[in-house]
Amino acid sequence: MGSKIYVGGLPYSTADQELSDLFAQHGSVQSAKVITDKYTGQSRGFGFVEMGSDEEAKAAIGALNETELGGRTLTVNEAKPQAPRTGGGGFGGGGGRGGGGDRW
């Protein structure tokens, strides 16, 4: 188990420091980050916390999963590695005009 924890169901008003303080009750917090929308800056309702050790992470998960914060139920579990992103979007291939040759 890694020491990085996923925290879902956060109230949209939660700040990084509040998230850090919540987890500090269960061990040393290396980092705490609430994820925000890159365009609006609004919280997306989830974040990540990195604890000092696997034991501290397990203790925090056990203590905080399915508890309530600001009227919302938290989902707290081990963070899974981010899936690799494939090149996406765009238009699929050349298209355009054929060029050359007679139509008839």
PDB file of N, CA and C in Angstrom:
ATOM      1  N   MET A   1       0.846  -1.190   0.000  1.00  0.00           N
ATOM      2  CA  MET A   1       0.000   0.000   0.000  1.00  0.00           C
ATOM      3  C   MET A   1       0.875   1.231   0.000  1.00  0.00           C
ATOM      4  N   GLY A   2       0.489   2.211  -0.800  1.00  0.00           N
ATOM      5  CA  GLY A   2       1.209   3.475  -0.823  1.00  0.00           C
ATOM      6  C   GLY A   2       0.673   4.397   0.254  1.00  0.00           C
ATOM      7  N   SER A   3       1.339   5.511   0.449  1.00  0.00           N
ATOM      8  CA  SER A   3       0.873   6.442   1.474  1.00  0.00           C
ATOM      9  C   SER A   3       0.039   7.565   0.874  1.00  0.00           C
ATOM     10  N   LYS A   4      -0.291   7.449  -0.420  1.00  0.00           N
ATOM     11  CA  LYS A   4      -1.119   8.466  -1.071  1.00  0.00           C
ATOM     12  C   LYS A   4      -2.580   8.042  -1.000  1.00  0.00           C
ATOM     13  N   ILE A   5      -3.422   8.974  -0.567  1.00  0.00           N
ATOM     14  CA  ILE A   5      -4.824   8.686  -0.296  1.00  0.00           C
ATOM     15  C   ILE A   5      -5.726   9.557  -1.164  1.00  0.00           C
ATOM     16  N   TYR A   6      -6.762   8.934  -1.713  1.00  0.00           N
ATOM     17  CA  TYR A   6      -7.807   9.643  -2.451  1.00  0.00           C
ATOM     18  C   TYR A   6      -8.906  10.005  -1.458  1.00  0.00           C
ATOM     19  N   VAL A   7      -9.395  11.238  -1.535  1.00  0.00           N
ATOM     20  CA  VAL A   7     -10.486  11.688  -0.673  1.00  0.00           C
ATOM     21  C   VAL A   7     -11.587  12.266  -1.569  1.00  0.00           C
ATOM     22  N   GLY A   8     -12.712  11.585  -1.644  1.00  0.00           N
ATOM     23  CA  GLY A   8     -13.839  12.047  -2.449  1.00  0.00           C
ATOM     24  C   GLY A   8     -14.985  12.517  -1.567  1.00  0.00           C
ATOM     25  N   GLY A   9     -15.904  13.247  -2.148  1.00  0.00           N
ATOM     26  CA  GLY A   9     -17.072  13.733  -1.427  1.00  0.00           C
ATOM     27  C   GLY A   9     -16.792  14.959  -0.582  1.00  0.00           C
ATOM     28  N   LEU A  10     -15.728  15.674  -0.905  1.00  0.00           N
ATOM     29  CA  LEU A  10     -15.396  16.878  -0.132  1.00  0.00           C
ATOM     30  C   LEU A  10     -16.410  17.989  -0.403  1.00  0.00           C
ATOM     31  N   PRO A  11     -16.763  18.751   0.627  1.00  0.00           N
ATOM     32  CA  PRO A  11     -17.570  19.946   0.372  1.00  0.00           C
ATOM     33  C   PRO A  11     -16.777  20.869  -0.563  1.00  0.00           C
ATOM     34  N   TYR A  12     -17.451  21.559  -1.431  1.00  0.00           N
ATOM     35  CA  TYR A  12     -16.772  22.388  -2.422  1.00  0.00           C
ATOM     36  C   TYR A  12     -16.026  23.565  -1.797  1.00  0.00           C
ATOM     37  N   SER A  13     -16.306  23.849  -0.538  1.00  0.00           N
ATOM     38  CA  SER A  13     -15.629  24.954   0.154  1.00  0.00           C
ATOM     39  C   SER A  13     -14.332  24.518   0.836  1.00  0.00           C
ATOM     40  N   THR A  14     -14.004  23.226   0.799  1.00  0.00           N
ATOM     41  CA  THR A  14     -12.819  22.719   1.492  1.00  0.00           C
ATOM     42  C   THR A  14     -11.538  23.253   0.854  1.00  0.00           C
ATOM     43  N   ALA A  15     -10.632  23.741   1.691  1.00  0.00           N
ATOM     44  CA  ALA A  15      -9.332  24.242   1.233  1.00  0.00           C
ATOM     45  C   ALA A  15      -8.249  23.211   1.561  1.00  0.00           C
ATOM     46  N   ASP A  16      -7.092  23.361   0.920  1.00  0.00           N
ATOM     47  CA  ASP A  16      -5.969  22.455   1.148  1.00  0.00           C
ATOM     48  C   ASP A  16      -5.630  22.339   2.631  1.00  0.00           C
ATOM     49  N   GLN A  17      -5.586  23.459   3.328  1.00  0.00           N
ATOM     50  CA  GLN A  17      -5.202  23.460   4.741  1.00  0.00           C
ATOM     51  C   GLN A  17      -6.209  22.701   5.598  1.00  0.00           C
ATOM     52  N   GLU A  18      -7.484  22.858   5.310  1.00  0.00           N
ATOM     53  CA  GLU A  18      -8.518  22.139   6.056  1.00  0.00           C
ATOM     54  C   GLU A  18      -8.384  20.635   5.851  1.00  0.00           C
ATOM     55  N   LEU A  19      -8.089  20.224   4.627  1.00  0.00           N
ATOM     56  CA  LEU A  19      -7.879  18.811   4.317  1.00  0.00           C
ATOM     57  C   LEU A  19      -6.658  18.284   5.071  1.00  0.00           C
ATOM     58  N   SER A  20      -5.595  19.056   5.078  1.00  0.00           N
ATOM     59  CA  SER A  20      -4.387  18.677   5.799  1.00  0.00           C
ATOM     60  C   SER A  20      -4.658  18.531   7.295  1.00  0.00           C
ATOM     61  N   ASP A  21      -5.373  19.482   7.875  1.00  0.00           N
ATOM     62  CA  ASP A  21      -5.691  19.452   9.305  1.00  0.00           C
ATOM     63  C   ASP A  21      -6.520  18.216   9.673  1.00  0.00           C
ATOM     64  N   LEU A  22      -7.458  17.850   8.809  1.00  0.00           N
ATOM     65  CA  LEU A  22      -8.306  16.694   9.047  1.00  0.00           C
ATOM     66  C   LEU A  22      -7.466  15.420   9.156  1.00  0.00           C
ATOM     67  N   PHE A  23      -6.514  15.267   8.254  1.00  0.00           N
ATOM     68  CA  PHE A  23      -5.687  14.057   8.228  1.00  0.00           C
ATOM     69  C   PHE A  23      -4.549  14.101   9.242  1.00  0.00           C
ATOM     70  N   ALA A  24      -4.133  15.270   9.655  1.00  0.00           N
ATOM     71  CA  ALA A  24      -3.040  15.403  10.630  1.00  0.00           C
ATOM     72  C   ALA A  24      -3.410  14.769  11.972  1.00  0.00           C
ATOM     73  N   GLN A  25      -4.690  14.602  12.240  1.00  0.00           N
ATOM     74  CA  GLN A  25      -5.134  13.946  13.474  1.00  0.00           C
ATOM     75  C   GLN A  25      -4.754  12.467  13.487  1.00  0.00           C
ATOM     76  N   HIS A  26      -4.347  11.933  12.326  1.00  0.00           N
ATOM     77  CA  HIS A  26      -4.071  10.502  12.203  1.00  0.00           C
ATOM     78  C   HIS A  26      -2.632  10.206  11.798  1.00  0.00           C
ATOM     79  N   GLY A  27      -1.777  11.224  11.759  1.00  0.00           N
ATOM     80  CA  GLY A  27      -0.372  11.015  11.420  1.00  0.00           C
ATOM     81  C   GLY A  27       0.206  12.232  10.723  1.00  0.00           C
ATOM     82  N   SER A  28       1.434  12.086  10.266  1.00  0.00           N
ATOM     83  CA  SER A  28       2.096  13.218   9.614  1.00  0.00           C
ATOM     84  C   SER A  28       1.662  13.334   8.158  1.00  0.00           C
ATOM     85  N   VAL A  29       1.241  14.518   7.798  1.00  0.00           N
ATOM     86  CA  VAL A  29       0.780  14.797   6.431  1.00  0.00           C
ATOM     87  C   VAL A  29       1.935  15.412   5.646  1.00  0.00           C
ATOM     88  N   GLN A  30       2.302  14.772   4.556  1.00  0.00           N
ATOM     89  CA  GLN A  30       3.359  15.287   3.691  1.00  0.00           C
ATOM     90  C   GLN A  30       2.811  16.335   2.728  1.00  0.00           C
ATOM     91  N   SER A  31       1.602  16.090   2.223  1.00  0.00           N
ATOM     92  CA  SER A  31       0.951  17.046   1.329  1.00  0.00           C
ATOM     93  C   SER A  31      -0.542  16.787   1.317  1.00  0.00           C
ATOM     94  N   ALA A  32      -1.299  17.831   1.026  1.00  0.00           N
ATOM     95  CA  ALA A  32      -2.751  17.724   0.900  1.00  0.00           C
ATOM     96  C   ALA A  32      -3.179  18.703  -0.183  1.00  0.00           C
ATOM     97  N   LYS A  33      -3.914  18.206  -1.164  1.00  0.00           N
ATOM     98  CA  LYS A  33      -4.294  19.040  -2.305  1.00  0.00           C
ATOM     99  C   LYS A  33      -5.736  18.766  -2.699  1.00  0.00           C
ATOM    100  N   VAL A  34      -6.552  19.810  -2.668  1.00  0.00           N
ATOM    101  CA  VAL A  34      -7.920  19.731  -3.192  1.00  0.00           C
ATOM    102  C   VAL A  34      -7.822  20.027  -4.685  1.00  0.00           C
ATOM    103  N   ILE A  35      -8.400  19.183  -5.500  1.00  0.00           N
ATOM    104  CA  ILE A  35      -8.328  19.338  -6.952  1.00  0.00           C
ATOM    105  C   ILE A  35      -9.363  20.365  -7.406  1.00  0.00           C
ATOM    106  N   THR A  36      -8.912  21.294  -8.238  1.00  0.00           N
ATOM    107  CA  THR A  36      -9.795  22.352  -8.724  1.00  0.00           C
ATOM    108  C   THR A  36      -9.900  22.315 -10.244  1.00  0.00           C
ATOM    109  N   ASP A  37     -10.976  22.886 -10.750  1.00  0.00           N
ATOM    110  CA  ASP A  37     -11.174  23.007 -12.183  1.00  0.00           C
ATOM    111  C   ASP A  37     -10.152  23.993 -12.725  1.00  0.00           C
ATOM    112  N   LYS A  38      -9.472  23.622 -13.793  1.00  0.00           N
ATOM    113  CA  LYS A  38      -8.401  24.493 -14.290  1.00  0.00           C
ATOM    114  C   LYS A  38      -8.904  25.788 -14.917  1.00  0.00           C
ATOM    115  N   TYR A  39     -10.157  25.848 -15.284  1.00  0.00           N
ATOM    116  CA  TYR A  39     -10.680  27.062 -15.900  1.00  0.00           C
ATOM    117  C   TYR A  39     -11.363  27.984 -14.891  1.00  0.00           C
ATOM    118  N   THR A  40     -12.143  27.396 -13.962  1.00  0.00           N
ATOM    119  CA  THR A  40     -12.899  28.225 -13.025  1.00  0.00           C
ATOM    120  C   THR A  40     -12.233  28.362 -11.660  1.00  0.00           C
ATOM    121  N   GLY A  41     -11.326  27.434 -11.328  1.00  0.00           N
ATOM    122  CA  GLY A  41     -10.692  27.456 -10.021  1.00  0.00           C
ATOM    123  C   GLY A  41     -11.568  26.883  -8.916  1.00  0.00           C
ATOM    124  N   GLN A  42     -12.778  26.435  -9.258  1.00  0.00           N
ATOM    125  CA  GLN A  42     -13.692  25.847  -8.280  1.00  0.00           C
ATOM    126  C   GLN A  42     -13.231  24.443  -7.907  1.00  0.00           C
ATOM    127  N   SER A  43     -13.459  24.060  -6.656  1.00  0.00           N
ATOM    128  CA  SER A  43     -13.153  22.710  -6.209  1.00  0.00           C
ATOM    129  C   SER A  43     -13.961  21.704  -7.012  1.00  0.00           C
ATOM    130  N   ARG A  44     -13.356  20.548  -7.279  1.00  0.00           N
ATOM    131  CA  ARG A  44     -14.070  19.480  -7.976  1.00  0.00           C
ATOM    132  C   ARG A  44     -14.632  18.459  -6.997  1.00  0.00           C
ATOM    133  N   GLY A  45     -14.459  18.714  -5.682  1.00  0.00           N
ATOM    134  CA  GLY A  45     -15.063  17.846  -4.674  1.00  0.00           C
ATOM    135  C   GLY A  45     -14.225  16.643  -4.288  1.00  0.00           C
ATOM    136  N   PHE A  46     -12.958  16.627  -4.711  1.00  0.00           N
ATOM    137  CA  PHE A  46     -12.078  15.544  -4.288  1.00  0.00           C
ATOM    138  C   PHE A  46     -10.651  16.061  -4.177  1.00  0.00           C
ATOM    139  N   GLY A  47      -9.818  15.254  -3.532  1.00  0.00           N
ATOM    140  CA  GLY A  47      -8.429  15.663  -3.357  1.00  0.00           C
ATOM    141  C   GLY A  47      -7.553  14.470  -3.025  1.00  0.00           C
ATOM    142  N   PHE A  48      -6.286  14.757  -2.765  1.00  0.00           N
ATOM    143  CA  PHE A  48      -5.314  13.725  -2.437  1.00  0.00           C
ATOM    144  C   PHE A  48      -4.502  14.167  -1.242  1.00  0.00           C
ATOM    145  N   VAL A  49      -4.188  13.196  -0.389  1.00  0.00           N
ATOM    146  CA  VAL A  49      -3.368  13.444   0.789  1.00  0.00           C
ATOM    147  C   VAL A  49      -2.237  12.432   0.774  1.00  0.00           C
ATOM    148  N   GLU A  50      -1.037  12.884   1.056  1.00  0.00           N
ATOM    149  CA  GLU A  50       0.096  11.975   1.172  1.00  0.00           C
ATOM    150  C   GLU A  50       0.548  11.962   2.623  1.00  0.00           C
ATOM    151  N   MET A  51       0.507  10.778   3.220  1.00  0.00           N
ATOM    152  CA  MET A  51       0.877  10.597   4.623  1.00  0.00           C
ATOM    153  C   MET A  51       2.345  10.188   4.721  1.00  0.00           C
ATOM    154  N   GLY A  52       2.900  10.309   5.923  1.00  0.00           N
ATOM    155  CA  GLY A  52       4.309  10.001   6.153  1.00  0.00           C
ATOM    156  C   GLY A  52       4.663   8.535   6.028  1.00  0.00           C
ATOM    157  N   SER A  53       3.707   7.634   6.285  1.00  0.00           N
ATOM    158  CA  SER A  53       3.983   6.198   6.199  1.00  0.00           C
ATOM    159  C   SER A  53       2.724   5.447   5.803  1.00  0.00           C
ATOM    160  N   ASP A  54       2.915   4.199   5.402  1.00  0.00           N
ATOM    161  CA  ASP A  54       1.780   3.349   5.042  1.00  0.00           C
ATOM    162  C   ASP A  54       0.871   3.117   6.248  1.00  0.00           C
ATOM    163  N   GLU A  55       1.468   2.968   7.434  1.00  0.00           N
ATOM    164  CA  GLU A  55       0.678   2.727   8.640  1.00  0.00           C
ATOM    165  C   GLU A  55      -0.219   3.923   8.952  1.00  0.00           C
ATOM    166  N   GLU A  56       0.320   5.116   8.803  1.00  0.00           N
ATOM    167  CA  GLU A  56      -0.477   6.318   9.035  1.00  0.00           C
ATOM    168  C   GLU A  56      -1.599   6.433   7.999  1.00  0.00           C
ATOM    169  N   ALA A  57      -1.293   6.080   6.769  1.00  0.00           N
ATOM    170  CA  ALA A  57      -2.304   6.126   5.710  1.00  0.00           C
ATOM    171  C   ALA A  57      -3.441   5.155   6.024  1.00  0.00           C
ATOM    172  N   LYS A  58      -3.092   3.931   6.444  1.00  0.00           N
ATOM    173  CA  LYS A  58      -4.116   2.936   6.790  1.00  0.00           C
ATOM    174  C   LYS A  58      -4.976   3.419   7.951  1.00  0.00           C
ATOM    175  N   ALA A  59      -4.334   4.023   8.945  1.00  0.00           N
ATOM    176  CA  ALA A  59      -5.074   4.532  10.109  1.00  0.00           C
ATOM    177  C   ALA A  59      -6.042   5.634   9.693  1.00  0.00           C
ATOM    178  N   ALA A  60      -5.587   6.543   8.833  1.00  0.00           N
ATOM    179  CA  ALA A  60      -6.435   7.647   8.377  1.00  0.00           C
ATOM    180  C   ALA A  60      -7.603   7.132   7.549  1.00  0.00           C
ATOM    181  N   ILE A  61      -7.339   6.169   6.676  1.00  0.00           N
ATOM    182  CA  ILE A  61      -8.411   5.597   5.849  1.00  0.00           C
ATOM    183  C   ILE A  61      -9.458   4.939   6.741  1.00  0.00           C
ATOM    184  N   GLY A  62      -9.003   4.138   7.697  1.00  0.00           N
ATOM    185  CA  GLY A  62      -9.916   3.458   8.606  1.00  0.00           C
ATOM    186  C   GLY A  62     -10.746   4.422   9.436  1.00  0.00           C
ATOM    187  N   ALA A  63     -10.128   5.515   9.856  1.00  0.00           N
ATOM    188  CA  ALA A  63     -10.819   6.477  10.719  1.00  0.00           C
ATOM    189  C   ALA A  63     -11.760   7.408   9.958  1.00  0.00           C
ATOM    190  N   LEU A  64     -11.418   7.754   8.711  1.00  0.00           N
ATOM    191  CA  LEU A  64     -12.157   8.806   8.013  1.00  0.00           C
ATOM    192  C   LEU A  64     -13.103   8.336   6.906  1.00  0.00           C
ATOM    193  N   ASN A  65     -12.929   7.111   6.398  1.00  0.00           N
ATOM    194  CA  ASN A  65     -13.800   6.644   5.324  1.00  0.00           C
ATOM    195  C   ASN A  65     -15.249   6.586   5.813  1.00  0.00           C
ATOM    196  N   GLU A  66     -16.161   7.099   5.009  1.00  0.00           N
ATOM    197  CA  GLU A  66     -17.602   7.134   5.273  1.00  0.00           C
ATOM    198  C   GLU A  66     -17.967   7.987   6.488  1.00  0.00           C
ATOM    199  N   THR A  67     -17.102   8.944   6.840  1.00  0.00           N
ATOM    200  CA  THR A  67     -17.468   9.915   7.868  1.00  0.00           C
ATOM    201  C   THR A  67     -18.028  11.145   7.166  1.00  0.00           C
ATOM    202  N   GLU A  68     -18.556  12.070   7.931  1.00  0.00           N
ATOM    203  CA  GLU A  68     -19.193  13.239   7.348  1.00  0.00           C
ATOM    204  C   GLU A  68     -18.342  14.486   7.564  1.00  0.00           C
ATOM    205  N   LEU A  69     -18.271  15.308   6.540  1.00  0.00           N
ATOM    206  CA  LEU A  69     -17.589  16.605   6.614  1.00  0.00           C
ATOM    207  C   LEU A  69     -18.473  17.615   5.891  1.00  0.00           C
ATOM    208  N   GLY A  70     -18.896  18.631   6.594  1.00  0.00           N
ATOM    209  CA  GLY A  70     -19.719  19.673   5.982  1.00  0.00           C
ATOM    210  C   GLY A  70     -20.986  19.161   5.351  1.00  0.00           C
ATOM    211  N   GLY A  71     -21.592  18.116   5.929  1.00  0.00           N
ATOM    212  CA  GLY A  71     -22.839  17.580   5.397  1.00  0.00           C
ATOM    213  C   GLY A  71     -22.671  16.593   4.257  1.00  0.00           C
ATOM    214  N   ARG A  72     -21.436  16.256   3.912  1.00  0.00           N
ATOM    215  CA  ARG A  72     -21.187  15.292   2.827  1.00  0.00           C
ATOM    216  C   ARG A  72     -20.415  14.097   3.360  1.00  0.00           C
ATOM    217  N   THR A  73     -20.692  12.927   2.827  1.00  0.00           N
ATOM    218  CA  THR A  73     -20.024  11.706   3.253  1.00  0.00           C
ATOM    219  C   THR A  73     -18.729  11.531   2.462  1.00  0.00           C
ATOM    220  N   LEU A  74     -17.633  11.359   3.181  1.00  0.00           N
ATOM    221  CA  LEU A  74     -16.331  11.209   2.542  1.00  0.00           C
ATOM    222  C   LEU A  74     -16.099   9.775   2.077  1.00  0.00           C
ATOM    223  N   THR A  75     -15.434   9.642   0.953  1.00  0.00           N
ATOM    224  CA  THR A  75     -14.916   8.370   0.473  1.00  0.00           C
ATOM    225  C   THR A  75     -13.403   8.491   0.561  1.00  0.00           C
ATOM    226  N   VAL A  76     -12.807   7.667   1.402  1.00  0.00           N
ATOM    227  CA  VAL A  76     -11.364   7.754   1.635  1.00  0.00           C
ATOM    228  C   VAL A  76     -10.765   6.381   1.377  1.00  0.00           C
ATOM    229  N   ASN A  77      -9.844   6.298   0.415  1.00  0.00           N
ATOM    230  CA  ASN A  77      -9.178   5.032   0.142  1.00  0.00           C
ATOM    231  C   ASN A  77      -7.812   5.272  -0.490  1.00  0.00           C
ATOM    232  N   GLU A  78      -7.098   4.179  -0.702  1.00  0.00           N
ATOM    233  CA  GLU A  78      -5.775   4.286  -1.306  1.00  0.00           C
ATOM    234  C   GLU A  78      -5.910   4.834  -2.718  1.00  0.00           C
ATOM    235  N   ALA A  79      -5.061   5.801  -3.037  1.00  0.00           N
ATOM    236  CA  ALA A  79      -5.088   6.377  -4.386  1.00  0.00           C
ATOM    237  C   ALA A  79      -4.521   5.369  -5.370  1.00  0.00           C
ATOM    238  N   LYS A  80      -5.190   5.225  -6.487  1.00  0.00           N
ATOM    239  CA  LYS A  80      -4.705   4.343  -7.547  1.00  0.00           C
ATOM    240  C   LYS A  80      -3.822   5.155  -8.486  1.00  0.00           C
ATOM    241  N   PRO A  81      -2.819   4.524  -9.080  1.00  0.00           N
ATOM    242  CA  PRO A  81      -1.976   5.267 -10.034  1.00  0.00           C
ATOM    243  C   PRO A  81      -2.817   5.811 -11.175  1.00  0.00           C
ATOM    244  N   GLN A  82      -2.453   6.993 -11.635  1.00  0.00           N
ATOM    245  CA  GLN A  82      -3.193   7.616 -12.733  1.00  0.00           C
ATOM    246  C   GLN A  82      -2.990   6.803 -14.002  1.00  0.00           C
ATOM    247  N   ALA A  83      -4.090   6.518 -14.670  1.00  0.00           N
ATOM    248  CA  ALA A  83      -4.020   5.769 -15.928  1.00  0.00           C
ATOM    249  C   ALA A  83      -3.327   6.618 -16.987  1.00  0.00           C
ATOM    250  N   PRO A  84      -2.488   5.994 -17.799  1.00  0.00           N
ATOM    251  CA  PRO A  84      -1.835   6.776 -18.850  1.00  0.00           C
ATOM    252  C   PRO A  84      -2.864   7.326 -19.826  1.00  0.00           C
ATOM    253  N   ARG A  85      -2.645   8.542 -20.221  1.00  0.00           N
ATOM    254  CA  ARG A  85      -3.570   9.173 -21.167  1.00  0.00           C
ATOM    255  C   ARG A  85      -3.095   8.918 -22.577  1.00  0.00           C
ATOM    256  N   THR A  86      -4.042   8.611 -23.428  1.00  0.00           N
ATOM    257  CA  THR A  86      -3.696   8.441 -24.833  1.00  0.00           C
ATOM    258  C   THR A  86      -3.939   9.767 -25.524  1.00  0.00           C
ATOM    259  N   GLY A  87      -3.288   9.962 -26.644  1.00  0.00           N
ATOM    260  CA  GLY A  87      -3.536  11.180 -27.409  1.00  0.00           C
ATOM    261  C   GLY A  87      -5.016  11.192 -27.749  1.00  0.00           C
ATOM    262  N   GLY A  88      -5.668  12.275 -27.577  1.00  0.00           N
ATOM    263  CA  GLY A  88      -7.106  12.220 -27.767  1.00  0.00           C
ATOM    264  C   GLY A  88      -7.614  13.332 -28.636  1.00  0.00           C
ATOM    265  N   GLY A  89      -8.868  13.251 -28.874  1.00  0.00           N
ATOM    266  CA  GLY A  89      -9.558  14.298 -29.592  1.00  0.00           C
ATOM    267  C   GLY A  89      -9.041  14.496 -30.993  1.00  0.00           C
ATOM    268  N   GLY A  90      -9.348  15.613 -31.515  1.00  0.00           N
ATOM    269  CA  GLY A  90      -8.878  15.930 -32.850  1.00  0.00           C
ATOM    270  C   GLY A  90      -9.731  15.272 -33.911  1.00  0.00           C
ATOM    271  N   PHE A  91      -9.291  15.394 -35.088  1.00  0.00           N
ATOM    272  CA  PHE A  91     -10.002  14.832 -36.220  1.00  0.00           C
ATOM    273  C   PHE A  91      -9.216  13.645 -36.720  1.00  0.00           C
ATOM    274  N   GLY A  92      -9.911  12.639 -37.131  1.00  0.00           N
ATOM    275  CA  GLY A  92      -9.240  11.399 -37.478  1.00  0.00           C
ATOM    276  C   GLY A  92      -8.742  11.324 -38.901  1.00  0.00           C
ATOM    277  N   GLY A  93      -7.691  11.893 -39.231  1.00  0.00           N
ATOM    278  CA  GLY A  93      -7.103  11.644 -40.536  1.00  0.00           C
ATOM    279  C   GLY A  93      -7.216  12.794 -41.500  1.00  0.00           C
ATOM    280  N   GLY A  94      -6.632  12.567 -42.651  1.00  0.00           N
ATOM    281  CA  GLY A  94      -6.443  13.582 -43.679  1.00  0.00           C
ATOM    282  C   GLY A  94      -7.669  14.328 -44.124  1.00  0.00           C
ATOM    283  N   GLY A  95      -8.589  13.666 -44.722  1.00  0.00           N
ATOM    284  CA  GLY A  95      -9.746  14.358 -45.264  1.00  0.00           C
ATOM    285  C   GLY A  95      -9.319  15.360 -46.315  1.00  0.00           C
ATOM    286  N   GLY A  96     -10.010  16.437 -46.425  1.00  0.00           N
ATOM    287  CA  GLY A  96      -9.649  17.475 -47.378  1.00  0.00           C
ATOM    288  C   GLY A  96     -10.016  17.076 -48.795  1.00  0.00           C
ATOM    289  N   ARG A  97      -9.479  17.827 -49.726  1.00  0.00           N
ATOM    290  CA  ARG A  97      -9.777  17.561 -51.134  1.00  0.00           C
ATOM    291  C   ARG A  97      -8.741  16.619 -51.709  1.00  0.00           C
ATOM    292  N   GLY A  98      -9.226  15.788 -52.570  1.00  0.00           N
ATOM    293  CA  GLY A  98      -8.361  14.777 -53.178  1.00  0.00           C
ATOM    294  C   GLY A  98      -7.219  15.377 -53.969  1.00  0.00           C
ATOM    295  N   GLY A  99      -7.515  16.293 -54.819  1.00  0.00           N
ATOM    296  CA  GLY A  99      -6.468  16.930 -55.615  1.00  0.00           C
ATOM    297  C   GLY A  99      -6.036  16.049 -56.783  1.00  0.00           C
ATOM    298  N   GLY A 100      -5.788  16.678 -57.849  1.00  0.00           N
ATOM    299  CA  GLY A 100      -5.286  15.969 -59.033  1.00  0.00           C
ATOM    300  C   GLY A 100      -6.357  15.131 -59.716  1.00  0.00           C
ATOM    301  N   GLY A 101      -6.134  14.870 -60.950  1.00  0.00           N
ATOM    302  CA  GLY A 101      -7.021  13.999 -61.711  1.00  0.00           C
ATOM    303  C   GLY A 101      -8.308  14.658 -62.147  1.00  0.00           C
ATOM    304  N   ASP A 102      -8.905  14.067 -63.156  1.00  0.00           N
ATOM    305  CA  ASP A 102     -10.173  14.560 -63.654  1.00  0.00           C
ATOM    306  C   ASP A 102     -11.325  13.894 -62.912  1.00  0.00           C
ATOM    307  N   ARG A 103     -12.389  14.623 -62.739  1.00  0.00           N
ATOM    308  CA  ARG A 103     -13.549  14.043 -62.071  1.00  0.00           C
ATOM    309  C   ARG A 103     -14.327  13.134 -63.023  1.00  0.00           C
ATOM    310  N   TRP A 104     -14.268  13.396 -64.310  1.00  0.00           N
ATOM    311  CA  TRP A 104     -15.130  12.656 -65.233  1.00  0.00           C
ATOM    312  C   TRP A 104     -14.396  11.621 -65.943  1.00  0.00           C
TER     313      TRP A 104
END
